[in-house]
Amino acid sequence: MDASPAIPIGEDGPAFSAPWEAKVFAMTLSAYDAGLFTWKDWAQTLGAELAKDAPGAPCKPYYEHWLTAFEKLLAAKGLTSLADLGRLQDAWDKAARATPHGEPIALKS
């Protein structure tokens, strides 16, 4: 697998603080472009996630909300299930812990 491209840097700093943020942003736009959901659906789902941060309390990072909204929207549209996504996350976490630093992470099927 090719290395991930560098995070773009603008006048105000990086557009994303980590490569995964850029990837979930791109996946969301690709799913929208493919007609898997409307922009209204997306805005409502992301807005609901962002609203879960209580005023004055520490906020979850923005792209964590974005990822949660994307997962929930895919599940709501019947494209996956939150249970399947949870199993995939567990498999990824297990594979990452078992992979030596600097080596590519491979999920076993």
C-alpha atoms as a PDB file:
ATOM      1  CA  MET A   1       0.000   0.000   0.000  1.00  0.00           C
ATOM      2  CA  ASP A   2       1.326   3.452  -0.834  1.00  0.00           C
ATOM      3  CA  ALA A   3       2.174   5.849   1.953  1.00  0.00           C
ATOM      4  CA  SER A   4      -0.494   8.362   2.870  1.00  0.00           C
ATOM      5  CA  PRO A   5       0.024  11.805   1.372  1.00  0.00           C
ATOM      6  CA  ALA A   6       1.138  14.595   3.672  1.00  0.00           C
ATOM      7  CA  ILE A   7      -1.490  16.668   5.433  1.00  0.00           C
ATOM      8  CA  PRO A   8      -1.965  19.938   3.505  1.00  0.00           C
ATOM      9  CA  ILE A   9      -0.704  23.006   5.357  1.00  0.00           C
ATOM     10  CA  GLY A  10      -2.285  26.410   4.818  1.00  0.00           C
ATOM     11  CA  GLU A  11      -1.627  29.839   6.296  1.00  0.00           C
ATOM     12  CA  ASP A  12      -3.468  28.843   9.486  1.00  0.00           C
ATOM     13  CA  GLY A  13      -1.720  25.478   9.852  1.00  0.00           C
ATOM     14  CA  PRO A  14      -2.748  21.966   8.862  1.00  0.00           C
ATOM     15  CA  ALA A  15      -6.186  21.511   7.320  1.00  0.00           C
ATOM     16  CA  PHE A  16      -6.446  18.295   9.341  1.00  0.00           C
ATOM     17  CA  SER A  17      -4.567  17.376  12.496  1.00  0.00           C
ATOM     18  CA  ALA A  18      -4.153  13.727  11.480  1.00  0.00           C
ATOM     19  CA  PRO A  19      -4.344  11.719   8.243  1.00  0.00           C
ATOM     20  CA  TRP A  20      -7.426   9.794   9.402  1.00  0.00           C
ATOM     21  CA  GLU A  21      -9.370  13.077   9.585  1.00  0.00           C
ATOM     22  CA  ALA A  22      -8.634  13.804   5.926  1.00  0.00           C
ATOM     23  CA  LYS A  23      -9.612  10.252   5.011  1.00  0.00           C
ATOM     24  CA  VAL A  24     -12.985  10.318   6.781  1.00  0.00           C
ATOM     25  CA  PHE A  25     -13.659  13.741   5.253  1.00  0.00           C
ATOM     26  CA  ALA A  26     -12.919  12.328   1.780  1.00  0.00           C
ATOM     27  CA  MET A  27     -15.004   9.188   2.404  1.00  0.00           C
ATOM     28  CA  THR A  28     -17.948  11.331   3.479  1.00  0.00           C
ATOM     29  CA  LEU A  29     -17.770  13.466   0.349  1.00  0.00           C
ATOM     30  CA  SER A  30     -17.395  10.354  -1.827  1.00  0.00           C
ATOM     31  CA  ALA A  31     -20.433   8.735  -0.217  1.00  0.00           C
ATOM     32  CA  TYR A  32     -22.439  11.923  -0.753  1.00  0.00           C
ATOM     33  CA  ASP A  33     -21.261  12.166  -4.378  1.00  0.00           C
ATOM     34  CA  ALA A  34     -22.339   8.547  -4.881  1.00  0.00           C
ATOM     35  CA  GLY A  35     -25.845   9.489  -3.753  1.00  0.00           C
ATOM     36  CA  LEU A  36     -25.782   7.435  -0.555  1.00  0.00           C
ATOM     37  CA  PHE A  37     -27.302  10.312   1.430  1.00  0.00           C
ATOM     38  CA  THR A  38     -28.404  13.907   0.958  1.00  0.00           C
ATOM     39  CA  TRP A  39     -26.493  16.898   2.274  1.00  0.00           C
ATOM     40  CA  LYS A  40     -29.502  17.687   4.483  1.00  0.00           C
ATOM     41  CA  ASP A  41     -29.224  14.182   6.013  1.00  0.00           C
ATOM     42  CA  TRP A  42     -25.514  14.774   6.591  1.00  0.00           C
ATOM     43  CA  ALA A  43     -25.970  18.224   8.150  1.00  0.00           C
ATOM     44  CA  GLN A  44     -28.677  16.948  10.506  1.00  0.00           C
ATOM     45  CA  THR A  45     -26.641  13.915  11.569  1.00  0.00           C
ATOM     46  CA  LEU A  46     -23.436  15.887  12.151  1.00  0.00           C
ATOM     47  CA  GLY A  47     -25.368  18.656  13.909  1.00  0.00           C
ATOM     48  CA  ALA A  48     -26.930  16.127  16.278  1.00  0.00           C
ATOM     49  CA  GLU A  49     -23.492  14.740  17.128  1.00  0.00           C
ATOM     50  CA  LEU A  50     -22.009  18.187  17.709  1.00  0.00           C
ATOM     51  CA  ALA A  51     -24.962  19.109  19.946  1.00  0.00           C
ATOM     52  CA  LYS A  52     -24.067  16.267  22.320  1.00  0.00           C
ATOM     53  CA  ASP A  53     -21.208  18.332  23.770  1.00  0.00           C
ATOM     54  CA  ALA A  54     -22.586  20.005  26.875  1.00  0.00           C
ATOM     55  CA  PRO A  55     -22.003  23.761  27.125  1.00  0.00           C
ATOM     56  CA  GLY A  56     -18.939  24.469  29.250  1.00  0.00           C
ATOM     57  CA  ALA A  57     -17.857  20.818  29.299  1.00  0.00           C
ATOM     58  CA  PRO A  58     -14.794  19.555  27.439  1.00  0.00           C
ATOM     59  CA  CYS A  59     -15.722  18.969  23.813  1.00  0.00           C
ATOM     60  CA  LYS A  60     -14.949  15.909  21.773  1.00  0.00           C
ATOM     61  CA  PRO A  61     -12.630  16.756  18.861  1.00  0.00           C
ATOM     62  CA  TYR A  62     -14.548  17.863  15.768  1.00  0.00           C
ATOM     63  CA  TYR A  63     -13.514  14.989  13.517  1.00  0.00           C
ATOM     64  CA  GLU A  64     -14.435  12.431  16.164  1.00  0.00           C
ATOM     65  CA  HIS A  65     -17.958  13.857  15.912  1.00  0.00           C
ATOM     66  CA  TRP A  66     -17.618  13.744  12.113  1.00  0.00           C
ATOM     67  CA  LEU A  67     -16.616  10.061  12.166  1.00  0.00           C
ATOM     68  CA  THR A  68     -19.445   9.128  14.541  1.00  0.00           C
ATOM     69  CA  ALA A  69     -21.954  10.991  12.357  1.00  0.00           C
ATOM     70  CA  PHE A  70     -20.648   9.279   9.221  1.00  0.00           C
ATOM     71  CA  GLU A  71     -20.920   5.834  10.824  1.00  0.00           C
ATOM     72  CA  LYS A  72     -24.426   6.513  12.136  1.00  0.00           C
ATOM     73  CA  LEU A  73     -25.601   7.843   8.785  1.00  0.00           C
ATOM     74  CA  LEU A  74     -24.249   4.808   6.918  1.00  0.00           C
ATOM     75  CA  ALA A  75     -26.010   2.549   9.403  1.00  0.00           C
ATOM     76  CA  ALA A  76     -29.266   4.544   9.191  1.00  0.00           C
ATOM     77  CA  LYS A  77     -29.197   4.168   5.398  1.00  0.00           C
ATOM     78  CA  GLY A  78     -28.744   0.379   5.752  1.00  0.00           C
ATOM     79  CA  LEU A  79     -25.272   0.404   4.211  1.00  0.00           C
ATOM     80  CA  THR A  80     -23.679  -1.184   7.273  1.00  0.00           C
ATOM     81  CA  SER A  81     -24.543  -1.702  10.907  1.00  0.00           C
ATOM     82  CA  LEU A  82     -23.046  -0.139  13.996  1.00  0.00           C
ATOM     83  CA  ALA A  83     -22.346  -3.697  15.211  1.00  0.00           C
ATOM     84  CA  ASP A  84     -20.345  -4.468  12.053  1.00  0.00           C
ATOM     85  CA  LEU A  85     -18.446  -1.206  12.425  1.00  0.00           C
ATOM     86  CA  GLY A  86     -17.720  -2.065  16.065  1.00  0.00           C
ATOM     87  CA  ARG A  87     -16.364  -5.487  15.096  1.00  0.00           C
ATOM     88  CA  LEU A  88     -14.169  -3.896  12.442  1.00  0.00           C
ATOM     89  CA  GLN A  89     -12.867  -1.328  14.938  1.00  0.00           C
ATOM     90  CA  ASP A  90     -12.065  -4.109  17.431  1.00  0.00           C
ATOM     91  CA  ALA A  91     -10.250  -6.096  14.723  1.00  0.00           C
ATOM     92  CA  TRP A  92      -8.289  -3.000  13.697  1.00  0.00           C
ATOM     93  CA  ASP A  93      -7.334  -2.206  17.306  1.00  0.00           C
ATOM     94  CA  LYS A  94      -6.191  -5.800  17.871  1.00  0.00           C
ATOM     95  CA  ALA A  95      -4.157  -5.818  14.645  1.00  0.00           C
ATOM     96  CA  ALA A  96      -2.592  -2.440  15.479  1.00  0.00           C
ATOM     97  CA  ARG A  97      -1.505  -3.638  18.949  1.00  0.00           C
ATOM     98  CA  ALA A  98       0.000  -6.788  17.421  1.00  0.00           C
ATOM     99  CA  THR A  99       1.939  -4.934  14.709  1.00  0.00           C
ATOM    100  CA  PRO A 100       5.501  -3.797  15.386  1.00  0.00           C
ATOM    101  CA  HIS A 101       6.018  -0.039  15.167  1.00  0.00           C
ATOM    102  CA  GLY A 102       6.706   1.088  11.618  1.00  0.00           C
ATOM    103  CA  GLU A 103       5.215  -2.008  10.015  1.00  0.00           C
ATOM    104  CA  PRO A 104       1.997  -1.888   7.977  1.00  0.00           C
ATOM    105  CA  ILE A 105      -1.102  -3.014   9.822  1.00  0.00           C
ATOM    106  CA  ALA A 106      -2.882  -5.943   8.158  1.00  0.00           C
ATOM    107  CA  LEU A 107      -6.357  -7.117   9.098  1.00  0.00           C
ATOM    108  CA  LYS A 108      -6.775 -10.873   8.979  1.00  0.00           C
ATOM    109  CA  SER A 109     -10.008 -12.059   7.369  1.00  0.00           C
END
